[in-house]
N, C-alpha and C. Protein backbone atom coordinates (compact mmCIF):
# COMPACT_ATOMS: atom_id res chain seq x y z
N MET A 1 235.63 -61.58 201.76
CA MET A 1 235.46 -61.14 200.39
C MET A 1 236.53 -60.11 200.07
N SER A 2 237.01 -60.15 198.86
CA SER A 2 238.05 -59.24 198.42
C SER A 2 237.53 -58.41 197.25
N ILE A 3 237.85 -57.13 197.26
CA ILE A 3 237.44 -56.21 196.20
C ILE A 3 238.70 -55.76 195.46
N ARG A 4 238.69 -55.88 194.15
CA ARG A 4 239.83 -55.43 193.35
C ARG A 4 239.65 -53.96 193.00
N MET A 5 240.69 -53.17 193.28
CA MET A 5 240.67 -51.73 193.04
C MET A 5 241.81 -51.35 192.10
N MET A 6 241.55 -50.35 191.26
CA MET A 6 242.58 -49.77 190.39
C MET A 6 243.05 -48.49 191.07
N VAL A 7 244.33 -48.39 191.32
CA VAL A 7 244.90 -47.22 192.00
C VAL A 7 245.04 -46.08 191.00
N ASN A 8 244.38 -44.95 191.29
CA ASN A 8 244.40 -43.77 190.41
C ASN A 8 245.54 -42.82 190.75
N ARG A 9 245.85 -42.73 192.05
CA ARG A 9 246.92 -41.86 192.54
C ARG A 9 247.72 -42.65 193.56
N PRO A 10 249.02 -42.40 193.66
CA PRO A 10 249.83 -43.15 194.62
C PRO A 10 249.22 -43.11 196.02
N LEU A 11 249.36 -44.22 196.74
CA LEU A 11 248.81 -44.29 198.08
C LEU A 11 249.62 -45.24 198.94
N MET A 12 249.38 -45.14 200.24
CA MET A 12 249.95 -46.08 201.20
C MET A 12 248.84 -47.03 201.60
N LEU A 13 249.10 -48.32 201.52
CA LEU A 13 248.11 -49.33 201.87
C LEU A 13 248.77 -50.34 202.79
N ARG A 14 248.30 -50.38 204.03
CA ARG A 14 248.85 -51.29 205.04
C ARG A 14 250.37 -51.14 205.17
N GLY A 15 250.83 -49.88 205.08
CA GLY A 15 252.24 -49.59 205.25
C GLY A 15 253.09 -49.72 204.00
N ASP A 16 252.48 -50.10 202.89
CA ASP A 16 253.22 -50.26 201.63
C ASP A 16 252.81 -49.18 200.63
N HIS A 17 253.79 -48.66 199.90
CA HIS A 17 253.51 -47.68 198.86
C HIS A 17 252.97 -48.42 197.64
N VAL A 18 251.89 -47.91 197.06
CA VAL A 18 251.30 -48.50 195.86
C VAL A 18 251.24 -47.41 194.79
N SER A 19 251.83 -47.68 193.64
CA SER A 19 251.88 -46.70 192.55
C SER A 19 250.57 -46.65 191.78
N ALA A 20 250.32 -45.50 191.15
CA ALA A 20 249.16 -45.35 190.28
C ALA A 20 249.26 -46.37 189.14
N GLY A 21 248.11 -46.89 188.73
CA GLY A 21 248.06 -47.86 187.65
C GLY A 21 248.08 -49.30 188.11
N ARG A 22 248.43 -49.54 189.36
CA ARG A 22 248.45 -50.90 189.90
C ARG A 22 247.06 -51.30 190.35
N THR A 23 246.83 -52.58 190.51
CA THR A 23 245.58 -53.05 191.11
C THR A 23 245.92 -53.66 192.46
N VAL A 24 244.97 -53.53 193.38
CA VAL A 24 245.13 -54.09 194.72
C VAL A 24 243.82 -54.77 195.12
N ASP A 25 243.94 -55.79 195.94
CA ASP A 25 242.78 -56.47 196.50
C ASP A 25 242.64 -56.03 197.95
N VAL A 26 241.45 -55.51 198.29
CA VAL A 26 241.20 -54.98 199.63
C VAL A 26 239.86 -55.49 200.14
N SER A 27 239.62 -55.27 201.43
CA SER A 27 238.33 -55.62 202.02
C SER A 27 237.29 -54.60 201.55
N PRO A 28 236.01 -54.94 201.65
CA PRO A 28 234.98 -53.97 201.28
C PRO A 28 235.05 -52.66 202.07
N SER A 29 235.41 -52.73 203.35
CA SER A 29 235.51 -51.49 204.14
C SER A 29 236.71 -50.65 203.68
N GLU A 30 237.82 -51.29 203.34
CA GLU A 30 238.96 -50.55 202.81
C GLU A 30 238.61 -49.94 201.46
N ALA A 31 237.85 -50.68 200.65
CA ALA A 31 237.42 -50.17 199.35
C ALA A 31 236.59 -48.91 199.51
N ALA A 32 235.70 -48.88 200.50
CA ALA A 32 234.87 -47.70 200.74
C ALA A 32 235.76 -46.49 201.05
N LEU A 33 236.76 -46.67 201.87
CA LEU A 33 237.66 -45.57 202.21
C LEU A 33 238.47 -45.10 201.00
N LEU A 34 238.94 -46.05 200.19
CA LEU A 34 239.71 -45.68 199.01
C LEU A 34 238.85 -44.95 197.99
N LEU A 35 237.61 -45.40 197.82
CA LEU A 35 236.69 -44.71 196.91
C LEU A 35 236.43 -43.28 197.38
N GLU A 36 236.21 -43.13 198.68
CA GLU A 36 235.94 -41.81 199.24
C GLU A 36 237.13 -40.87 199.04
N SER A 37 238.33 -41.41 199.15
CA SER A 37 239.53 -40.58 199.01
C SER A 37 239.79 -40.18 197.55
N GLY A 38 239.22 -40.94 196.61
CA GLY A 38 239.47 -40.66 195.20
C GLY A 38 240.78 -41.22 194.69
N ARG A 39 241.50 -41.92 195.55
CA ARG A 39 242.80 -42.46 195.15
C ARG A 39 242.69 -43.78 194.39
N ALA A 40 241.51 -44.40 194.42
CA ALA A 40 241.34 -45.67 193.72
C ALA A 40 239.90 -45.79 193.25
N SER A 41 239.69 -46.63 192.26
CA SER A 41 238.35 -46.89 191.75
C SER A 41 238.15 -48.40 191.66
N LEU A 42 236.89 -48.79 191.60
CA LEU A 42 236.58 -50.21 191.50
C LEU A 42 237.02 -50.75 190.15
N ALA A 43 237.68 -51.89 190.16
CA ALA A 43 238.04 -52.54 188.91
C ALA A 43 236.80 -53.16 188.27
N ASN A 44 235.85 -53.55 189.11
CA ASN A 44 234.60 -54.16 188.64
C ASN A 44 233.45 -53.45 189.34
N VAL A 45 232.65 -52.69 188.62
CA VAL A 45 231.59 -51.89 189.23
C VAL A 45 230.53 -52.74 189.93
N THR A 46 230.45 -54.02 189.61
CA THR A 46 229.48 -54.88 190.28
C THR A 46 229.84 -55.11 191.74
N ASP A 47 231.06 -54.76 192.14
CA ASP A 47 231.48 -54.88 193.54
C ASP A 47 230.92 -53.75 194.41
N MET A 48 230.30 -52.74 193.81
CA MET A 48 229.81 -51.60 194.58
C MET A 48 228.78 -52.02 195.62
N GLU A 49 227.96 -53.00 195.33
CA GLU A 49 226.95 -53.43 196.31
C GLU A 49 227.62 -54.00 197.56
N ALA A 50 228.70 -54.74 197.40
CA ALA A 50 229.42 -55.28 198.56
C ALA A 50 230.02 -54.14 199.39
N VAL A 51 230.51 -53.12 198.72
CA VAL A 51 231.07 -51.96 199.41
C VAL A 51 229.96 -51.24 200.20
N ARG A 52 228.83 -51.02 199.55
CA ARG A 52 227.70 -50.37 200.22
C ARG A 52 227.22 -51.18 201.42
N GLU A 53 227.13 -52.48 201.27
CA GLU A 53 226.69 -53.34 202.37
C GLU A 53 227.67 -53.27 203.54
N SER A 54 228.96 -53.19 203.26
CA SER A 54 229.96 -53.06 204.31
C SER A 54 229.76 -51.77 205.09
N VAL A 55 229.49 -50.67 204.38
CA VAL A 55 229.26 -49.38 205.04
C VAL A 55 227.98 -49.44 205.87
N ARG A 56 226.91 -50.03 205.32
CA ARG A 56 225.65 -50.16 206.07
C ARG A 56 225.86 -50.97 207.35
N ALA A 57 226.58 -52.08 207.25
CA ALA A 57 226.83 -52.92 208.42
C ALA A 57 227.66 -52.18 209.47
N SER A 58 228.65 -51.42 209.03
CA SER A 58 229.48 -50.65 209.95
C SER A 58 228.64 -49.59 210.66
N ASN A 59 227.78 -48.92 209.90
CA ASN A 59 226.92 -47.89 210.51
C ASN A 59 225.95 -48.51 211.51
N ALA A 60 225.37 -49.66 211.17
CA ALA A 60 224.43 -50.33 212.08
C ALA A 60 225.14 -50.74 213.37
N GLU A 61 226.35 -51.26 213.26
CA GLU A 61 227.11 -51.67 214.44
C GLU A 61 227.45 -50.46 215.30
N CYS A 62 227.81 -49.37 214.66
CA CYS A 62 228.12 -48.14 215.38
C CYS A 62 226.90 -47.65 216.17
N LEU A 63 225.74 -47.65 215.53
CA LEU A 63 224.52 -47.22 216.21
C LEU A 63 224.18 -48.14 217.37
N ARG A 64 224.38 -49.43 217.19
CA ARG A 64 224.12 -50.40 218.25
C ARG A 64 225.01 -50.12 219.45
N ARG A 65 226.31 -49.86 219.20
CA ARG A 65 227.23 -49.56 220.29
C ARG A 65 226.89 -48.25 220.98
N GLU A 66 226.44 -47.26 220.21
CA GLU A 66 226.05 -45.98 220.82
C GLU A 66 224.87 -46.17 221.76
N LYS A 67 223.88 -46.94 221.34
CA LYS A 67 222.71 -47.18 222.18
C LYS A 67 223.09 -47.96 223.44
N GLN A 68 224.01 -48.90 223.28
CA GLN A 68 224.43 -49.74 224.40
C GLN A 68 225.25 -48.97 225.42
N SER A 69 226.19 -48.16 224.95
CA SER A 69 227.13 -47.50 225.86
C SER A 69 226.84 -46.02 226.10
N GLY A 70 226.12 -45.41 225.19
CA GLY A 70 225.88 -43.97 225.29
C GLY A 70 227.02 -43.14 224.74
N ALA A 71 228.13 -43.77 224.39
CA ALA A 71 229.28 -43.04 223.83
C ALA A 71 229.11 -42.90 222.33
N MET A 72 229.60 -41.80 221.79
CA MET A 72 229.48 -41.57 220.34
C MET A 72 230.46 -42.45 219.59
N CYS A 73 230.03 -42.85 218.42
CA CYS A 73 230.83 -43.71 217.55
C CYS A 73 230.94 -43.05 216.19
N ARG A 74 232.06 -43.18 215.53
CA ARG A 74 232.22 -42.64 214.18
C ARG A 74 232.00 -43.77 213.18
N PRO A 75 230.89 -43.74 212.44
CA PRO A 75 230.62 -44.80 211.47
C PRO A 75 231.51 -44.70 210.25
N ALA A 76 231.54 -45.76 209.47
CA ALA A 76 232.28 -45.74 208.20
C ALA A 76 231.63 -44.73 207.28
N GLN A 77 232.42 -44.17 206.39
CA GLN A 77 231.89 -43.15 205.45
C GLN A 77 231.22 -43.80 204.29
């Protein structure tokens, strides 16, 4: 699944410079990080549920790995 984001402030995405005002298509987990940074916003607010689900899945996987290995994991924000 791809999430369309509007870039609010210049950023680097996968090694490429992206200017403010451009739109980019990113994964839901990348969208969560961009939203948290404030550098981009959702082009379509209905995509927020996909972003939230990506964060929930990442957190669940992190907790599963912690229980399995005993090592700490940093979940998605």
